[in-house]
């Protein structure tokens, strides 16, 4: 069928998965049957209930329920009344972690990339391991990258707003 990542990949800690996703292929099976392939260039890690920038820090809610399930599922939410955000759930059941996909080679910015690939709220809880419409495939070694503070989370305060949990490809070869 395809070379998609298996469940074990997503069960690692978010701080391992977030940089490991850089340079890998996000594959979207379009409604017309065509297959679109995008390269992941930027991610951010959100690590559980103690991370005040993570939605799970406010507890288990209807919105965050999928974050408390096993890794490999999509956590999708709507912001500013106009953008869908795509997050990959990581870790074991009961350990809410997720990687925000912030950029693709083909689109910079998390709202732009979900528009490009045609993503909406129907993807909430989608399983990247078994889905017929979206998955991630290995594309080789992780390219060179830099780590820095996450974007737009000043509300979380110190030390959370300064954690170097944003990962960005520096050289796409």
N, C-alpha and C. Protein backbone atom coordinates (compact mmCIF):
# COMPACT_ATOMS: atom_id res chain seq x y z
N UNK A 1 0.84 -1.20 0.00
CA UNK A 1 0.00 0.00 0.00
C UNK A 1 0.88 1.26 0.00
N UNK A 2 1.57 1.54 1.10
CA UNK A 2 2.49 2.68 1.17
C UNK A 2 3.49 2.46 2.29
N UNK A 3 4.40 3.40 2.44
CA UNK A 3 5.46 3.26 3.43
C UNK A 3 5.19 4.12 4.68
N UNK A 4 3.99 4.28 5.06
CA UNK A 4 3.65 5.18 6.17
C UNK A 4 4.30 4.73 7.48
N UNK A 5 4.44 5.69 8.38
CA UNK A 5 4.97 5.36 9.71
C UNK A 5 4.00 4.45 10.45
N UNK A 6 4.55 3.54 11.20
CA UNK A 6 3.78 2.61 12.04
C UNK A 6 3.49 3.29 13.38
N UNK A 7 2.59 2.71 14.15
CA UNK A 7 2.16 3.26 15.43
C UNK A 7 3.35 3.55 16.37
N UNK A 8 4.34 2.66 16.39
CA UNK A 8 5.46 2.79 17.33
C UNK A 8 6.16 4.14 17.20
N UNK A 9 6.26 4.66 15.97
CA UNK A 9 6.90 5.96 15.75
C UNK A 9 6.21 7.04 16.58
N UNK A 10 4.90 7.03 16.59
CA UNK A 10 4.11 8.07 17.27
C UNK A 10 4.04 7.89 18.78
N UNK A 11 4.42 6.73 19.29
CA UNK A 11 4.34 6.47 20.73
C UNK A 11 5.53 7.06 21.49
N UNK A 12 6.55 7.54 20.78
CA UNK A 12 7.68 8.20 21.44
C UNK A 12 7.25 9.53 22.03
N UNK A 13 8.10 10.07 22.87
CA UNK A 13 7.87 11.38 23.47
C UNK A 13 7.82 12.46 22.39
N UNK A 14 7.00 13.45 22.60
CA UNK A 14 6.82 14.53 21.63
C UNK A 14 8.13 15.23 21.29
N UNK A 15 9.08 15.29 22.23
CA UNK A 15 10.35 15.95 21.95
C UNK A 15 11.25 15.12 21.05
N UNK A 16 10.94 13.85 20.84
CA UNK A 16 11.62 13.03 19.85
C UNK A 16 10.88 13.08 18.50
N UNK A 17 9.56 13.03 18.56
CA UNK A 17 8.77 12.98 17.33
C UNK A 17 8.79 14.31 16.59
N UNK A 18 8.69 15.43 17.29
CA UNK A 18 8.61 16.74 16.62
C UNK A 18 9.79 16.99 15.68
N UNK A 19 11.05 16.83 16.12
CA UNK A 19 12.14 17.03 15.16
C UNK A 19 12.25 15.90 14.14
N UNK A 20 11.85 14.69 14.51
CA UNK A 20 11.93 13.55 13.58
C UNK A 20 10.98 13.71 12.40
N UNK A 21 9.92 14.50 12.55
CA UNK A 21 8.97 14.73 11.46
C UNK A 21 9.54 15.66 10.38
N UNK A 22 10.56 16.43 10.72
CA UNK A 22 11.14 17.36 9.75
C UNK A 22 11.70 16.61 8.55
N UNK A 23 11.37 17.09 7.37
CA UNK A 23 11.85 16.48 6.14
C UNK A 23 11.04 15.28 5.67
N UNK A 24 10.09 14.85 6.48
CA UNK A 24 9.27 13.67 6.12
C UNK A 24 8.08 14.12 5.27
N UNK A 25 7.44 13.17 4.63
CA UNK A 25 6.35 13.48 3.69
C UNK A 25 4.97 13.34 4.31
N UNK A 26 4.22 14.41 4.24
CA UNK A 26 2.80 14.39 4.59
C UNK A 26 2.06 14.08 3.29
N UNK A 27 1.32 13.00 3.29
CA UNK A 27 0.64 12.54 2.07
C UNK A 27 -0.87 12.72 2.25
N UNK A 28 -1.48 13.32 1.24
CA UNK A 28 -2.92 13.55 1.26
C UNK A 28 -3.53 12.93 0.01
N UNK A 29 -4.41 11.96 0.22
CA UNK A 29 -5.16 11.38 -0.89
C UNK A 29 -6.33 12.31 -1.14
N UNK A 30 -6.32 12.99 -2.26
CA UNK A 30 -7.35 13.99 -2.58
C UNK A 30 -8.67 13.30 -2.94
N UNK A 31 -9.79 14.01 -2.78
CA UNK A 31 -11.09 13.42 -3.12
C UNK A 31 -11.19 12.92 -4.56
N UNK A 32 -10.44 13.54 -5.47
CA UNK A 32 -10.49 13.10 -6.88
C UNK A 32 -9.57 11.91 -7.15
N UNK A 33 -8.92 11.38 -6.09
CA UNK A 33 -8.07 10.21 -6.24
C UNK A 33 -6.60 10.52 -6.43
N UNK A 34 -6.26 11.78 -6.67
CA UNK A 34 -4.85 12.12 -6.83
C UNK A 34 -4.16 12.12 -5.47
N UNK A 35 -2.88 11.87 -5.50
CA UNK A 35 -2.07 11.80 -4.27
C UNK A 35 -1.15 13.01 -4.23
N UNK A 36 -1.29 13.86 -3.21
CA UNK A 36 -0.44 15.03 -3.04
C UNK A 36 0.57 14.74 -1.93
N UNK A 37 1.84 15.09 -2.18
CA UNK A 37 2.91 14.83 -1.22
C UNK A 37 3.55 16.16 -0.85
N UNK A 38 3.66 16.42 0.45
CA UNK A 38 4.23 17.66 0.97
C UNK A 38 5.37 17.32 1.92
N UNK A 39 6.36 18.22 2.03
CA UNK A 39 7.50 17.99 2.90
C UNK A 39 7.37 18.87 4.15
N UNK A 40 7.45 18.26 5.33
CA UNK A 40 7.32 18.96 6.60
C UNK A 40 8.62 19.72 6.90
N UNK A 41 8.50 21.03 7.16
CA UNK A 41 9.68 21.87 7.40
C UNK A 41 9.70 22.56 8.77
N UNK A 42 8.57 22.53 9.47
CA UNK A 42 8.52 23.21 10.77
C UNK A 42 7.49 22.54 11.67
N UNK A 43 7.89 22.32 12.92
CA UNK A 43 7.01 21.69 13.91
C UNK A 43 7.17 22.39 15.26
N UNK A 44 6.21 22.18 16.14
CA UNK A 44 6.30 22.63 17.53
C UNK A 44 5.78 21.52 18.43
N UNK A 45 6.45 21.35 19.57
CA UNK A 45 6.07 20.31 20.53
C UNK A 45 5.26 20.92 21.68
N UNK A 46 4.19 20.23 22.05
CA UNK A 46 3.35 20.60 23.19
C UNK A 46 3.28 19.36 24.08
N UNK A 47 3.76 19.52 25.32
CA UNK A 47 4.09 18.35 26.13
C UNK A 47 3.29 18.23 27.43
N UNK A 48 2.07 17.89 27.32
CA UNK A 48 1.30 17.44 28.47
C UNK A 48 0.70 18.49 29.37
N UNK A 49 0.16 18.00 30.45
CA UNK A 49 -0.61 18.82 31.37
C UNK A 49 0.23 19.84 32.13
N UNK A 50 1.52 19.62 32.26
CA UNK A 50 2.39 20.58 32.95
C UNK A 50 2.82 21.73 32.05
N UNK A 51 2.78 21.54 30.74
CA UNK A 51 3.17 22.56 29.77
C UNK A 51 2.01 23.55 29.63
N UNK A 52 2.18 24.75 30.17
CA UNK A 52 1.08 25.72 30.18
C UNK A 52 0.71 26.24 28.79
N UNK A 53 1.51 25.96 27.78
CA UNK A 53 1.16 26.32 26.41
C UNK A 53 0.35 25.22 25.72
N UNK A 54 0.30 24.06 26.32
CA UNK A 54 -0.42 22.91 25.76
C UNK A 54 -1.90 22.98 26.14
N UNK A 55 -2.79 22.73 25.20
CA UNK A 55 -4.22 22.74 25.49
C UNK A 55 -4.59 21.76 26.61
N UNK A 56 -3.85 20.68 26.74
CA UNK A 56 -4.14 19.69 27.78
C UNK A 56 -3.85 20.21 29.19
N UNK A 57 -3.15 21.33 29.30
CA UNK A 57 -2.87 21.89 30.63
C UNK A 57 -4.15 22.37 31.31
N UNK A 58 -5.19 22.55 30.55
CA UNK A 58 -6.48 22.98 31.09
C UNK A 58 -7.37 21.79 31.43
N UNK A 59 -6.80 20.60 31.27
CA UNK A 59 -7.52 19.38 31.60
C UNK A 59 -8.15 18.71 30.39
N UNK A 60 -8.74 17.60 30.66
CA UNK A 60 -9.38 16.79 29.61
C UNK A 60 -10.74 17.40 29.31
N UNK A 61 -10.93 17.80 28.06
CA UNK A 61 -12.18 18.40 27.61
C UNK A 61 -12.62 17.72 26.33
N UNK A 62 -13.78 18.07 25.86
CA UNK A 62 -14.25 17.52 24.58
C UNK A 62 -13.26 17.87 23.46
N UNK A 63 -12.72 19.09 23.51
CA UNK A 63 -11.77 19.54 22.49
C UNK A 63 -10.46 18.75 22.55
N UNK A 64 -9.95 18.49 23.76
CA UNK A 64 -8.63 17.88 23.91
C UNK A 64 -8.67 16.36 24.08
N UNK A 65 -9.83 15.77 24.06
CA UNK A 65 -9.97 14.34 24.32
C UNK A 65 -8.99 13.48 23.52
N UNK A 66 -8.83 13.78 22.24
CA UNK A 66 -7.96 12.96 21.38
C UNK A 66 -6.50 13.02 21.83
N UNK A 67 -6.10 14.09 22.48
CA UNK A 67 -4.71 14.20 22.96
C UNK A 67 -4.40 13.18 24.04
N UNK A 68 -5.41 12.68 24.70
CA UNK A 68 -5.23 11.71 25.79
C UNK A 68 -5.25 10.26 25.26
N UNK A 69 -5.40 10.11 23.96
CA UNK A 69 -5.40 8.78 23.34
C UNK A 69 -3.99 8.45 22.84
N UNK A 70 -3.80 7.28 22.26
CA UNK A 70 -2.47 6.87 21.83
C UNK A 70 -1.99 7.68 20.64
N UNK A 71 -0.67 7.78 20.51
CA UNK A 71 -0.06 8.52 19.43
C UNK A 71 -0.45 8.03 18.05
N UNK A 72 -0.41 8.95 17.09
CA UNK A 72 -0.72 8.63 15.71
C UNK A 72 -2.04 9.19 15.23
N UNK A 73 -2.78 9.84 16.12
CA UNK A 73 -4.06 10.43 15.76
C UNK A 73 -3.87 11.92 15.49
N UNK A 74 -4.82 12.53 14.79
CA UNK A 74 -4.76 13.97 14.54
C UNK A 74 -5.63 14.72 15.54
N UNK A 75 -5.06 15.78 16.09
CA UNK A 75 -5.78 16.73 16.94
C UNK A 75 -5.96 17.98 16.09
N UNK A 76 -7.18 18.25 15.68
CA UNK A 76 -7.50 19.37 14.80
C UNK A 76 -8.39 20.33 15.58
N UNK A 77 -8.07 21.62 15.49
CA UNK A 77 -8.93 22.62 16.11
C UNK A 77 -8.96 23.89 15.26
N UNK A 78 -9.98 24.69 15.46
CA UNK A 78 -10.25 25.89 14.67
C UNK A 78 -9.87 27.12 15.49
N UNK A 79 -9.13 28.06 14.88
CA UNK A 79 -8.77 29.30 15.59
C UNK A 79 -9.10 30.53 14.75
N UNK A 80 -9.29 31.63 15.46
CA UNK A 80 -9.55 32.94 14.84
C UNK A 80 -10.73 32.92 13.88
N UNK A 81 -11.59 31.92 14.00
CA UNK A 81 -12.75 31.84 13.13
C UNK A 81 -12.42 31.59 11.67
N UNK A 82 -11.16 31.16 11.39
CA UNK A 82 -10.79 30.99 10.00
C UNK A 82 -9.75 29.92 9.69
N UNK A 83 -8.99 29.42 10.67
CA UNK A 83 -7.91 28.48 10.39
C UNK A 83 -8.06 27.18 11.17
N UNK A 84 -7.83 26.08 10.48
CA UNK A 84 -7.71 24.78 11.13
C UNK A 84 -6.25 24.55 11.46
N UNK A 85 -5.95 24.05 12.63
CA UNK A 85 -4.59 23.72 13.05
C UNK A 85 -4.48 22.20 13.10
N UNK A 86 -3.38 21.66 12.53
CA UNK A 86 -3.16 20.21 12.48
C UNK A 86 -2.05 19.83 13.45
N UNK A 87 -2.38 18.94 14.37
CA UNK A 87 -1.44 18.43 15.35
C UNK A 87 -1.43 16.91 15.30
N UNK A 88 -0.25 16.35 15.48
CA UNK A 88 -0.08 14.90 15.52
C UNK A 88 0.07 14.50 16.99
N UNK A 89 -0.84 13.68 17.49
CA UNK A 89 -0.78 13.21 18.87
C UNK A 89 0.38 12.22 19.00
N UNK A 90 1.13 12.34 20.10
CA UNK A 90 2.26 11.45 20.35
C UNK A 90 2.13 10.86 21.75
N UNK A 91 2.97 9.87 22.03
CA UNK A 91 3.02 9.29 23.37
C UNK A 91 1.97 8.21 23.58
N UNK A 92 2.01 7.69 24.80
CA UNK A 92 1.10 6.61 25.20
C UNK A 92 -0.25 7.17 25.62
N UNK A 93 -1.25 6.31 25.65
CA UNK A 93 -2.58 6.68 26.13
C UNK A 93 -2.47 7.29 27.52
N UNK A 94 -3.17 8.40 27.74
CA UNK A 94 -3.16 9.07 29.04
C UNK A 94 -2.06 10.09 29.20
N UNK A 95 -1.18 10.23 28.21
CA UNK A 95 -0.09 11.20 28.25
C UNK A 95 -0.31 12.20 27.12
N UNK A 96 -1.03 13.29 27.38
CA UNK A 96 -1.42 14.20 26.30
C UNK A 96 -0.26 15.03 25.75
N UNK A 97 0.15 14.70 24.54
CA UNK A 97 1.22 15.41 23.85
C UNK A 97 0.82 15.54 22.39
N UNK A 98 1.31 16.59 21.73
CA UNK A 98 1.02 16.74 20.31
C UNK A 98 2.08 17.61 19.64
N UNK A 99 2.26 17.36 18.36
CA UNK A 99 3.16 18.14 17.52
C UNK A 99 2.32 18.97 16.57
N UNK A 100 2.43 20.29 16.68
CA UNK A 100 1.78 21.18 15.72
C UNK A 100 2.63 21.19 14.45
N UNK A 101 2.02 20.90 13.32
CA UNK A 101 2.71 21.02 12.04
C UNK A 101 2.58 22.48 11.63
N UNK A 102 3.71 23.22 11.69
CA UNK A 102 3.71 24.67 11.43
C UNK A 102 4.04 25.02 10.00
N UNK A 103 4.77 24.16 9.31
CA UNK A 103 5.15 24.53 7.96
C UNK A 103 5.46 23.34 7.08
N UNK A 104 5.22 23.55 5.79
CA UNK A 104 5.58 22.60 4.75
C UNK A 104 6.46 23.36 3.75
N UNK A 105 7.24 22.64 2.98
CA UNK A 105 8.03 23.30 1.93
C UNK A 105 7.08 24.08 1.01
N UNK A 106 5.88 23.56 0.84
CA UNK A 106 4.90 24.14 -0.08
C UNK A 106 4.04 25.24 0.54
N UNK A 107 4.07 25.41 1.86
CA UNK A 107 3.23 26.42 2.52
C UNK A 107 3.81 26.75 3.89
N UNK A 108 4.01 28.04 4.15
CA UNK A 108 4.53 28.48 5.44
C UNK A 108 3.38 28.95 6.31
N UNK A 109 3.30 28.40 7.52
CA UNK A 109 2.25 28.77 8.45
C UNK A 109 1.22 27.68 8.60
N UNK A 110 0.82 27.40 9.84
CA UNK A 110 -0.09 26.28 10.09
C UNK A 110 -1.48 26.44 9.48
N UNK A 111 -2.00 27.66 9.39
CA UNK A 111 -3.30 27.88 8.76
C UNK A 111 -3.24 27.74 7.25
N UNK A 112 -2.16 28.24 6.68
CA UNK A 112 -1.99 28.14 5.22
C UNK A 112 -1.84 26.69 4.78
N UNK A 113 -1.11 25.91 5.56
CA UNK A 113 -0.88 24.52 5.13
C UNK A 113 -2.15 23.70 5.19
N UNK A 114 -3.01 23.93 6.19
CA UNK A 114 -4.26 23.16 6.23
C UNK A 114 -5.19 23.57 5.08
N UNK A 115 -5.14 24.84 4.70
CA UNK A 115 -5.92 25.28 3.53
C UNK A 115 -5.39 24.62 2.26
N UNK A 116 -4.07 24.59 2.12
CA UNK A 116 -3.45 23.99 0.95
C UNK A 116 -3.85 22.53 0.77
N UNK A 117 -3.85 21.78 1.87
CA UNK A 117 -4.13 20.35 1.74
C UNK A 117 -5.62 20.01 1.85
N UNK A 118 -6.44 21.03 2.12
CA UNK A 118 -7.89 20.81 2.16
C UNK A 118 -8.36 20.13 3.43
N UNK A 119 -7.82 20.57 4.56
CA UNK A 119 -8.15 19.95 5.84
C UNK A 119 -9.23 20.75 6.57
N UNK A 120 -10.11 20.05 7.27
CA UNK A 120 -11.14 20.68 8.08
C UNK A 120 -11.37 19.86 9.35
N UNK A 121 -12.39 20.20 10.09
CA UNK A 121 -12.67 19.54 11.36
C UNK A 121 -12.99 18.06 11.25
N UNK A 122 -13.32 17.59 10.07
CA UNK A 122 -13.64 16.16 9.92
C UNK A 122 -12.41 15.29 10.14
N UNK A 123 -11.23 15.89 10.18
CA UNK A 123 -9.99 15.13 10.40
C UNK A 123 -9.68 14.93 11.89
N UNK A 124 -10.47 15.53 12.76
CA UNK A 124 -10.25 15.35 14.21
C UNK A 124 -10.29 13.86 14.55
N UNK A 125 -9.22 13.35 15.15
CA UNK A 125 -9.16 11.95 15.55
C UNK A 125 -8.73 11.00 14.44
N UNK A 126 -8.48 11.51 13.24
CA UNK A 126 -8.06 10.66 12.11
C UNK A 126 -6.78 9.91 12.49
N UNK A 127 -6.73 8.65 12.17
CA UNK A 127 -5.58 7.80 12.51
C UNK A 127 -4.60 7.78 11.35
N UNK A 128 -3.42 8.37 11.54
CA UNK A 128 -2.41 8.43 10.49
C UNK A 128 -1.88 7.05 10.10
N UNK A 129 -2.07 6.08 10.96
CA UNK A 129 -1.58 4.72 10.69
C UNK A 129 -2.51 3.97 9.74
N UNK A 130 -3.81 4.25 9.79
CA UNK A 130 -4.77 3.50 9.00
C UNK A 130 -5.59 4.32 8.01
N UNK A 131 -5.51 5.65 8.07
CA UNK A 131 -6.33 6.51 7.23
C UNK A 131 -6.10 6.27 5.74
N UNK A 132 -7.16 6.38 4.96
CA UNK A 132 -7.03 6.29 3.51
C UNK A 132 -6.92 7.69 2.88
N UNK A 133 -7.00 8.76 3.70
CA UNK A 133 -6.94 10.09 3.12
C UNK A 133 -5.76 10.95 3.57
N UNK A 134 -5.06 10.55 4.66
CA UNK A 134 -3.89 11.31 5.09
C UNK A 134 -2.97 10.43 5.92
N UNK A 135 -1.65 10.59 5.73
CA UNK A 135 -0.66 9.85 6.50
C UNK A 135 0.70 10.51 6.33
N UNK A 136 1.69 10.02 7.07
CA UNK A 136 3.06 10.53 6.97
C UNK A 136 3.97 9.38 6.59
N UNK A 137 4.83 9.62 5.60
CA UNK A 137 5.78 8.62 5.12
C UNK A 137 7.21 9.08 5.39
N UNK A 138 8.09 8.14 5.74
CA UNK A 138 9.51 8.48 5.87
C UNK A 138 10.06 8.93 4.51
N UNK A 139 10.93 9.94 4.54
CA UNK A 139 11.54 10.44 3.31
C UNK A 139 13.06 10.43 3.41
N UNK A 140 13.57 9.81 4.45
CA UNK A 140 15.01 9.78 4.64
C UNK A 140 15.39 10.38 5.99
N UNK A 141 16.66 10.70 6.13
CA UNK A 141 17.16 11.25 7.39
C UNK A 141 16.60 12.63 7.67
N UNK A 142 16.54 12.99 8.93
CA UNK A 142 16.11 14.33 9.33
C UNK A 142 17.13 15.33 8.80
N UNK A 143 16.69 16.37 8.08
CA UNK A 143 17.62 17.37 7.57
C UNK A 143 18.15 18.26 8.71
N UNK A 144 19.19 19.05 8.46
CA UNK A 144 19.67 19.98 9.48
C UNK A 144 18.54 20.91 9.92
N UNK A 145 18.48 21.17 11.21
CA UNK A 145 17.42 22.03 11.74
C UNK A 145 17.93 22.82 12.93
N UNK A 146 17.16 23.84 13.29
CA UNK A 146 17.45 24.60 14.50
C UNK A 146 16.22 24.53 15.40
N UNK A 147 16.47 24.70 16.68
CA UNK A 147 15.39 24.72 17.67
C UNK A 147 15.32 26.12 18.27
N UNK A 148 14.12 26.54 18.60
CA UNK A 148 13.93 27.84 19.21
C UNK A 148 12.61 27.87 19.95
N UNK A 149 12.27 29.03 20.53
CA UNK A 149 11.00 29.16 21.26
C UNK A 149 9.79 29.00 20.35
N UNK A 150 8.71 28.51 20.91
CA UNK A 150 7.47 28.36 20.16
C UNK A 150 6.87 29.74 19.88
N UNK A 151 5.97 29.80 18.92
CA UNK A 151 5.40 31.05 18.45
C UNK A 151 4.03 31.31 19.09
N UNK A 152 3.80 32.55 19.51
CA UNK A 152 2.47 32.98 19.95
C UNK A 152 1.96 32.40 21.24
N UNK A 153 2.86 32.11 22.18
CA UNK A 153 2.42 31.51 23.44
C UNK A 153 2.87 32.32 24.66
N UNK A 154 3.00 33.62 24.52
CA UNK A 154 3.41 34.46 25.65
C UNK A 154 2.50 34.27 26.87
N UNK A 155 1.23 33.95 26.63
CA UNK A 155 0.27 33.74 27.71
C UNK A 155 0.72 32.64 28.68
N UNK A 156 1.55 31.71 28.22
CA UNK A 156 1.98 30.57 29.05
C UNK A 156 3.00 31.00 30.10
N UNK A 157 3.66 32.13 29.90
CA UNK A 157 4.65 32.62 30.86
C UNK A 157 5.92 31.79 30.87
N UNK A 158 6.83 32.19 31.74
CA UNK A 158 8.10 31.47 31.90
C UNK A 158 7.87 30.22 32.72
N UNK A 159 8.56 29.14 32.48
CA UNK A 159 9.60 28.95 31.46
C UNK A 159 9.04 28.49 30.12
N UNK A 160 7.72 28.32 30.03
CA UNK A 160 7.09 27.68 28.86
C UNK A 160 7.27 28.46 27.58
N UNK A 161 7.20 29.78 27.64
CA UNK A 161 7.31 30.55 26.40
C UNK A 161 8.72 30.56 25.84
N UNK A 162 9.70 30.17 26.65
CA UNK A 162 11.10 30.15 26.21
C UNK A 162 11.63 28.75 25.86
N UNK A 163 10.84 27.73 26.10
CA UNK A 163 11.30 26.36 25.80
C UNK A 163 11.66 26.26 24.31
N UNK A 164 12.80 25.69 23.97
CA UNK A 164 13.20 25.56 22.56
C UNK A 164 12.52 24.36 21.89
N UNK A 165 11.20 24.41 21.83
CA UNK A 165 10.41 23.29 21.34
C UNK A 165 9.78 23.55 19.98
N UNK A 166 10.33 24.54 19.27
CA UNK A 166 9.97 24.78 17.87
C UNK A 166 11.16 24.31 17.03
N UNK A 167 10.89 23.52 16.00
CA UNK A 167 11.94 22.93 15.19
C UNK A 167 11.74 23.33 13.73
N UNK A 168 12.80 23.84 13.12
CA UNK A 168 12.71 24.42 11.79
C UNK A 168 13.88 23.96 10.93
N UNK A 169 13.58 23.41 9.75
CA UNK A 169 14.61 22.99 8.82
C UNK A 169 15.45 24.20 8.43
N UNK A 170 16.79 24.05 8.46
CA UNK A 170 17.68 25.15 8.10
C UNK A 170 18.26 25.00 6.70
N UNK A 171 18.32 23.77 6.20
CA UNK A 171 18.90 23.51 4.89
C UNK A 171 18.20 22.31 4.30
N UNK A 172 17.47 22.54 3.24
CA UNK A 172 16.72 21.44 2.62
C UNK A 172 17.54 20.68 1.59
N UNK A 173 18.85 20.93 1.55
CA UNK A 173 19.74 20.18 0.67
C UNK A 173 19.49 20.49 -0.74
